[in-house]
Amino acid sequence: MKELTCIVCPIGCQLSVEDSGENLSVTGNKCQRGLVYAKEEILAPKRIVTATCKIEGEECCVRRIPVKTDLPLLKEKIPILLEDLYKIKVKLPVKTGDILIANWMEQGINIVVTRSIS
């Protein structure tokens, strides 16, 4: 049995998830969203990824641009994404919402800039 705290809404239901092999049994959820969250967290956990990228022409680590995924990414793919992001050098100017990488590794996830810098 695995214990989780639901993060979908402010209630923060304490969920219990039992995996019987073929089915997942979830208890403690007060709504359907908690059920969906628990199943996804056990079967295919995902996270929004935030990171920073180098700025072209700047010394290493002096100035960096903050970026994030526009959708949650499977946790197992996060190290690969971070490796890719740390190799990138962004050319200025950029503005909030600019897509730095479209459809990363055909995952349907874009990497977007989260702060305008000129």
C-alpha atoms as a PDB file:
ATOM      1  CA  MET A   1       0.000   0.000   0.000  1.00  0.00           C
ATOM      2  CA  LYS A   2       1.229   3.501  -0.852  1.00  0.00           C
ATOM      3  CA  GLU A   3       0.148   6.674   0.918  1.00  0.00           C
ATOM      4  CA  LEU A   4      -0.136   9.936  -1.066  1.00  0.00           C
ATOM      5  CA  THR A   5      -1.350  13.446  -0.435  1.00  0.00           C
ATOM      6  CA  CYS A   6      -3.467  14.667  -3.325  1.00  0.00           C
ATOM      7  CA  ILE A   7      -2.186  17.967  -4.785  1.00  0.00           C
ATOM      8  CA  VAL A   8      -4.982  18.622  -7.272  1.00  0.00           C
ATOM      9  CA  CYS A   9      -6.912  21.021  -5.023  1.00  0.00           C
ATOM     10  CA  PRO A  10      -6.419  22.763  -1.658  1.00  0.00           C
ATOM     11  CA  ILE A  11      -8.191  20.024   0.345  1.00  0.00           C
ATOM     12  CA  GLY A  12      -5.119  17.752   0.213  1.00  0.00           C
ATOM     13  CA  CYS A  13      -6.899  14.423   0.660  1.00  0.00           C
ATOM     14  CA  GLN A  14      -4.838  11.625   2.200  1.00  0.00           C
ATOM     15  CA  LEU A  15      -4.971   8.846  -0.378  1.00  0.00           C
ATOM     16  CA  SER A  16      -4.237   5.171   0.052  1.00  0.00           C
ATOM     17  CA  VAL A  17      -3.383   3.237  -3.086  1.00  0.00           C
ATOM     18  CA  GLU A  18      -3.291  -0.524  -3.195  1.00  0.00           C
ATOM     19  CA  ASP A  19      -1.991  -2.361  -6.251  1.00  0.00           C
ATOM     20  CA  SER A  20      -3.480  -5.817  -6.560  1.00  0.00           C
ATOM     21  CA  GLY A  21      -1.681  -6.622  -9.788  1.00  0.00           C
ATOM     22  CA  GLU A  22      -4.465  -5.974 -12.262  1.00  0.00           C
ATOM     23  CA  ASN A  23      -6.250  -3.086 -10.544  1.00  0.00           C
ATOM     24  CA  LEU A  24      -5.372  -0.084  -8.454  1.00  0.00           C
ATOM     25  CA  SER A  25      -7.659   0.607  -5.535  1.00  0.00           C
ATOM     26  CA  VAL A  26      -7.729   4.216  -4.311  1.00  0.00           C
ATOM     27  CA  THR A  27      -9.377   5.330  -1.075  1.00  0.00           C
ATOM     28  CA  GLY A  28      -9.503   8.650   0.740  1.00  0.00           C
ATOM     29  CA  ASN A  29     -10.279  10.818  -2.276  1.00  0.00           C
ATOM     30  CA  LYS A  30     -13.187  13.234  -1.958  1.00  0.00           C
ATOM     31  CA  CYS A  31     -13.532  13.738  -5.710  1.00  0.00           C
ATOM     32  CA  GLN A  32     -12.843  12.059  -9.032  1.00  0.00           C
ATOM     33  CA  ARG A  33      -9.761  14.242  -9.602  1.00  0.00           C
ATOM     34  CA  GLY A  34      -8.065  12.612  -6.616  1.00  0.00           C
ATOM     35  CA  LEU A  35      -8.682   9.187  -8.090  1.00  0.00           C
ATOM     36  CA  VAL A  36      -7.153  10.239 -11.428  1.00  0.00           C
ATOM     37  CA  TYR A  37      -4.184  11.886  -9.659  1.00  0.00           C
ATOM     38  CA  ALA A  38      -3.416   8.788  -7.560  1.00  0.00           C
ATOM     39  CA  LYS A  39      -3.551   6.417 -10.518  1.00  0.00           C
ATOM     40  CA  GLU A  40      -1.322   8.656 -12.625  1.00  0.00           C
ATOM     41  CA  GLU A  41       1.139   9.164  -9.762  1.00  0.00           C
ATOM     42  CA  ILE A  42       1.522   5.405  -9.319  1.00  0.00           C
ATOM     43  CA  LEU A  43       1.449   4.293 -12.968  1.00  0.00           C
ATOM     44  CA  ALA A  44       3.098   7.186 -14.837  1.00  0.00           C
ATOM     45  CA  PRO A  45       4.187  10.077 -12.605  1.00  0.00           C
ATOM     46  CA  LYS A  46       4.679  13.402 -14.389  1.00  0.00           C
ATOM     47  CA  ARG A  47       6.111  16.760 -13.401  1.00  0.00           C
ATOM     48  CA  ILE A  48       6.381  20.269 -14.800  1.00  0.00           C
ATOM     49  CA  VAL A  49      10.113  20.845 -15.240  1.00  0.00           C
ATOM     50  CA  THR A  50      11.750  24.191 -14.519  1.00  0.00           C
ATOM     51  CA  ALA A  51      15.374  24.932 -15.340  1.00  0.00           C
ATOM     52  CA  THR A  52      17.694  27.591 -16.686  1.00  0.00           C
ATOM     53  CA  CYS A  53      19.644  27.832 -19.939  1.00  0.00           C
ATOM     54  CA  LYS A  54      22.847  29.672 -20.767  1.00  0.00           C
ATOM     55  CA  ILE A  55      22.649  32.950 -22.627  1.00  0.00           C
ATOM     56  CA  GLU A  56      24.749  33.176 -25.775  1.00  0.00           C
ATOM     57  CA  GLY A  57      27.751  35.444 -25.333  1.00  0.00           C
ATOM     58  CA  GLU A  58      27.595  35.501 -21.504  1.00  0.00           C
ATOM     59  CA  GLU A  59      30.160  33.872 -19.262  1.00  0.00           C
ATOM     60  CA  CYS A  60      29.069  30.528 -17.838  1.00  0.00           C
ATOM     61  CA  CYS A  61      26.604  30.859 -14.977  1.00  0.00           C
ATOM     62  CA  VAL A  62      26.674  34.702 -14.986  1.00  0.00           C
ATOM     63  CA  ARG A  63      23.301  35.178 -16.638  1.00  0.00           C
ATOM     64  CA  ARG A  64      20.853  32.447 -17.365  1.00  0.00           C
ATOM     65  CA  ILE A  65      17.321  32.422 -18.733  1.00  0.00           C
ATOM     66  CA  PRO A  66      14.561  30.579 -16.815  1.00  0.00           C
ATOM     67  CA  VAL A  67      12.538  28.034 -18.785  1.00  0.00           C
ATOM     68  CA  LYS A  68       9.866  25.410 -18.105  1.00  0.00           C
ATOM     69  CA  THR A  69       7.846  22.722 -19.807  1.00  0.00           C
ATOM     70  CA  ASP A  70       4.355  23.781 -20.866  1.00  0.00           C
ATOM     71  CA  LEU A  71       2.952  20.388 -19.849  1.00  0.00           C
ATOM     72  CA  PRO A  72       3.978  17.749 -17.316  1.00  0.00           C
ATOM     73  CA  LEU A  73       6.693  15.331 -18.457  1.00  0.00           C
ATOM     74  CA  LEU A  74       7.156  11.717 -17.364  1.00  0.00           C
ATOM     75  CA  LYS A  75       9.581  11.685 -14.424  1.00  0.00           C
ATOM     76  CA  GLU A  76      11.801   9.107 -16.124  1.00  0.00           C
ATOM     77  CA  LYS A  77      12.500  11.546 -18.991  1.00  0.00           C
ATOM     78  CA  ILE A  78      13.453  14.522 -16.799  1.00  0.00           C
ATOM     79  CA  PRO A  79      17.226  13.786 -16.688  1.00  0.00           C
ATOM     80  CA  ILE A  80      17.348  13.573 -20.495  1.00  0.00           C
ATOM     81  CA  LEU A  81      15.507  16.883 -20.840  1.00  0.00           C
ATOM     82  CA  LEU A  82      17.802  18.603 -18.341  1.00  0.00           C
ATOM     83  CA  GLU A  83      20.859  17.330 -20.222  1.00  0.00           C
ATOM     84  CA  ASP A  84      19.479  18.883 -23.409  1.00  0.00           C
ATOM     85  CA  LEU A  85      18.582  22.170 -21.707  1.00  0.00           C
ATOM     86  CA  TYR A  86      22.007  22.607 -20.130  1.00  0.00           C
ATOM     87  CA  LYS A  87      23.639  22.368 -23.601  1.00  0.00           C
ATOM     88  CA  ILE A  88      21.511  25.158 -25.114  1.00  0.00           C
ATOM     89  CA  LYS A  89      22.728  28.742 -25.522  1.00  0.00           C
ATOM     90  CA  VAL A  90      19.840  31.162 -25.969  1.00  0.00           C
ATOM     91  CA  LYS A  91      20.215  34.204 -28.200  1.00  0.00           C
ATOM     92  CA  LEU A  92      18.702  37.396 -26.788  1.00  0.00           C
ATOM     93  CA  PRO A  93      16.229  39.031 -26.834  1.00  0.00           C
ATOM     94  CA  VAL A  94      13.565  36.621 -25.589  1.00  0.00           C
ATOM     95  CA  LYS A  95      10.182  37.252 -24.053  1.00  0.00           C
ATOM     96  CA  THR A  96       7.976  35.316 -21.673  1.00  0.00           C
ATOM     97  CA  GLY A  97       6.145  32.573 -23.541  1.00  0.00           C
ATOM     98  CA  ASP A  98       8.650  32.210 -26.397  1.00  0.00           C
ATOM     99  CA  ILE A  99       9.022  28.556 -27.361  1.00  0.00           C
ATOM    100  CA  LEU A 100      12.650  27.547 -27.058  1.00  0.00           C
ATOM    101  CA  ILE A 101      12.093  23.920 -28.104  1.00  0.00           C
ATOM    102  CA  ALA A 102       8.897  22.786 -29.795  1.00  0.00           C
ATOM    103  CA  ASN A 103       7.646  19.222 -29.294  1.00  0.00           C
ATOM    104  CA  TRP A 104      10.715  18.036 -27.380  1.00  0.00           C
ATOM    105  CA  MET A 105      11.563  14.452 -28.419  1.00  0.00           C
ATOM    106  CA  GLU A 106       8.114  14.183 -29.979  1.00  0.00           C
ATOM    107  CA  GLN A 107       6.557  14.160 -26.491  1.00  0.00           C
ATOM    108  CA  GLY A 108       4.099  16.951 -27.309  1.00  0.00           C
ATOM    109  CA  ILE A 109       5.846  19.155 -24.766  1.00  0.00           C
ATOM    110  CA  ASN A 110       7.298  22.589 -25.488  1.00  0.00           C
ATOM    111  CA  ILE A 111      10.042  24.313 -23.538  1.00  0.00           C
ATOM    112  CA  VAL A 112       9.059  27.951 -22.968  1.00  0.00           C
ATOM    113  CA  VAL A 113      10.884  31.002 -21.659  1.00  0.00           C
ATOM    114  CA  THR A 114       9.455  32.270 -18.365  1.00  0.00           C
ATOM    115  CA  ARG A 115      11.068  35.721 -18.196  1.00  0.00           C
ATOM    116  CA  SER A 116      11.656  38.419 -20.794  1.00  0.00           C
ATOM    117  CA  ILE A 117      15.309  39.453 -21.203  1.00  0.00           C
ATOM    118  CA  SER A 118      16.697  41.801 -23.820  1.00  0.00           C
END
